[in-house]
Amino acid sequence: MSFMLVKDIMTKDPIKIDFQKTVLDACRIYKKQKVGCLIITKDDECIGIVTERDIIERTICDNKNPNTIQISEIMSSDIKTVHPLDNLEKAIEIMKENNIRKLPVIKDKNLIGIITVTDISKARPDLSDRFIETWVKPRWED
């Protein structure tokens, strides 16, 4: 089993959206970029993250107009991050402790990437089995 760092498997240059943009703007970016989440920025600083599920639950299900709601109103703002030189196990532990599947990668206060459960399962199938069995799989059954 080889030692891997976050930087070895992260997706570089994640897709960002300004905090003042609307949910509809975010939907258009999702359609064009085909990504699982968007990083919300203010003056190029990571201030939040939003997933497709957030859009559905916090806009559509709450009967809000995606054309008038700013993305900052529905984003998750208690952001957990990881450094590119952290090992994969640390990223997994942060994800498990915080019940999240996507983790922005920050270096010197700059967003340089994102690491996801999918990235981990592709790069390290040996970790993936243990990870899925202990955390992700039970959540899917909810």
Protein backbone atom coordinates (compact mmCIF):
# COMPACT_ATOMS: atom_id res chain seq x y z
CA MET A 1 0.00 0.00 0.00
CA SER A 2 1.58 3.24 -1.13
CA PHE A 3 1.54 6.49 0.80
CA MET A 4 -0.58 9.13 -0.95
CA LEU A 5 -1.02 12.81 -0.38
CA VAL A 6 -4.15 14.82 -1.06
CA LYS A 7 -2.37 16.64 -3.91
CA ASP A 8 -1.79 13.31 -5.66
CA ILE A 9 -5.49 12.71 -6.30
CA MET A 10 -7.29 16.02 -5.86
CA THR A 11 -9.04 17.72 -8.75
CA LYS A 12 -7.15 20.90 -9.52
CA ASP A 13 -8.92 24.21 -10.15
CA PRO A 14 -12.41 23.33 -8.88
CA ILE A 15 -15.35 25.19 -10.38
CA LYS A 16 -16.16 28.36 -8.45
CA ILE A 17 -19.07 30.78 -8.36
CA ASP A 18 -19.27 34.23 -6.82
CA PHE A 19 -21.41 34.46 -3.69
CA GLN A 20 -23.68 37.10 -5.26
CA LYS A 21 -24.72 34.90 -8.18
CA THR A 22 -28.15 33.27 -8.17
CA VAL A 23 -29.09 29.65 -7.75
CA LEU A 24 -30.12 29.68 -11.43
CA ASP A 25 -26.58 30.82 -12.34
CA ALA A 26 -25.25 27.86 -10.34
CA CYS A 27 -27.60 25.48 -12.18
CA ARG A 28 -26.29 26.75 -15.51
CA ILE A 29 -22.71 26.15 -14.36
CA TYR A 30 -23.64 22.62 -13.22
CA LYS A 31 -25.17 21.90 -16.62
CA LYS A 32 -22.13 23.19 -18.49
CA GLN A 33 -19.35 21.83 -16.23
CA LYS A 34 -20.95 18.55 -15.07
CA VAL A 35 -19.49 18.71 -11.55
CA GLY A 36 -20.75 17.51 -8.16
CA CYS A 37 -20.33 20.77 -6.28
CA LEU A 38 -19.44 24.41 -6.64
CA ILE A 39 -17.11 26.39 -4.41
CA ILE A 40 -18.62 29.72 -3.36
CA THR A 41 -16.13 32.58 -3.34
CA LYS A 42 -16.00 36.17 -2.17
CA ASP A 43 -13.01 38.15 -3.42
CA ASP A 44 -11.44 34.82 -4.49
CA GLU A 45 -11.67 33.42 -0.96
CA CYS A 46 -13.53 30.15 -0.36
CA ILE A 47 -16.54 30.99 1.84
CA GLY A 48 -18.87 28.09 1.09
CA ILE A 49 -19.77 25.05 -0.91
CA VAL A 50 -23.00 24.03 -2.60
CA THR A 51 -24.07 20.68 -4.01
CA GLU A 52 -26.89 19.72 -6.32
CA ARG A 53 -28.67 18.30 -3.29
CA ASP A 54 -28.41 21.67 -1.51
CA ILE A 55 -30.06 23.32 -4.50
CA ILE A 56 -32.89 20.80 -4.52
CA GLU A 57 -33.51 20.79 -0.77
CA ARG A 58 -32.95 24.48 -0.02
CA THR A 59 -34.51 26.00 -3.12
CA ILE A 60 -36.86 23.71 -5.00
CA CYS A 61 -38.28 21.85 -1.98
CA ASP A 62 -38.62 25.11 -0.05
CA ASN A 63 -40.49 26.62 -3.00
CA LYS A 64 -37.95 29.42 -3.54
CA ASN A 65 -37.34 31.02 -6.92
CA PRO A 66 -33.86 29.98 -8.18
CA ASN A 67 -33.76 33.13 -10.28
CA THR A 68 -33.93 35.45 -7.26
CA ILE A 69 -32.16 33.52 -4.48
CA GLN A 70 -28.43 34.19 -4.14
CA ILE A 71 -26.26 31.10 -3.95
CA SER A 72 -24.83 32.39 -0.65
CA GLU A 73 -28.29 31.96 0.92
CA ILE A 74 -28.26 28.19 0.43
CA MET A 75 -24.56 27.33 0.62
CA SER A 76 -22.94 25.40 3.44
CA SER A 77 -20.63 27.89 5.11
CA ASP A 78 -18.98 25.85 7.88
CA ILE A 79 -16.28 24.72 5.46
CA LYS A 80 -13.86 21.99 6.38
CA THR A 81 -10.66 22.00 4.35
CA VAL A 82 -7.51 20.01 3.89
CA HIS A 83 -3.95 20.95 2.88
CA PRO A 84 -2.47 19.42 -0.31
CA LEU A 85 0.39 17.86 1.67
CA ASP A 86 -1.94 16.09 4.11
CA ASN A 87 -2.16 12.35 3.70
CA LEU A 88 -5.28 10.67 2.37
CA GLU A 89 -6.16 9.20 5.75
CA LYS A 90 -6.44 12.70 7.22
CA ALA A 91 -8.82 13.75 4.44
CA ILE A 92 -10.94 10.64 5.03
CA GLU A 93 -11.04 11.30 8.77
CA ILE A 94 -12.21 14.90 8.24
CA MET A 95 -14.91 13.67 5.87
CA LYS A 96 -16.09 10.99 8.29
CA GLU A 97 -16.06 13.27 11.35
CA ASN A 98 -18.07 15.93 9.54
CA ASN A 99 -20.32 13.67 7.47
CA ILE A 100 -19.23 15.24 4.18
CA ARG A 101 -18.16 13.88 0.80
CA LYS A 102 -16.29 16.83 -0.67
CA LEU A 103 -13.34 18.68 0.82
CA PRO A 104 -11.78 21.87 -0.59
CA VAL A 105 -7.97 21.84 -0.71
CA ILE A 106 -6.44 25.07 0.58
CA LYS A 107 -2.80 26.20 0.45
CA ASP A 108 -1.74 29.60 1.81
CA LYS A 109 -5.42 30.62 2.04
CA ASN A 110 -5.90 29.87 -1.67
CA LEU A 111 -8.27 27.27 -3.08
CA ILE A 112 -6.18 24.99 -5.25
CA GLY A 113 -8.31 21.86 -5.52
CA ILE A 114 -11.01 19.61 -4.19
CA ILE A 115 -10.96 16.00 -3.05
CA THR A 116 -14.07 13.83 -3.03
CA VAL A 117 -15.14 10.37 -1.97
CA THR A 118 -15.11 9.45 -5.66
CA ASP A 119 -11.49 10.60 -6.03
CA ILE A 120 -10.50 8.47 -3.05
CA SER A 121 -12.32 5.36 -4.28
CA LYS A 122 -10.69 5.64 -7.73
CA ALA A 123 -7.18 6.25 -6.42
CA ARG A 124 -7.19 3.84 -3.50
CA PRO A 125 -9.63 0.94 -3.89
CA ASP A 126 -8.10 -0.64 -0.78
CA LEU A 127 -9.21 2.39 1.27
CA SER A 128 -12.44 2.64 -0.65
CA ASP A 129 -13.83 -0.67 0.60
CA ARG A 130 -13.13 0.20 4.23
CA PHE A 131 -14.37 3.76 3.73
CA ILE A 132 -17.61 2.73 2.05
CA GLU A 133 -18.33 -0.02 4.58
CA THR A 134 -17.75 2.18 7.62
CA TRP A 135 -19.32 5.41 6.53
CA VAL A 136 -20.73 5.98 3.06
CA LYS A 137 -22.73 2.77 2.63
CA PRO A 138 -24.80 3.20 5.83
CA ARG A 139 -25.70 6.72 4.73
CA TRP A 140 -26.97 5.45 1.36
CA GLU A 141 -29.42 3.17 3.17
CA ASP A 142 -30.96 6.09 5.10
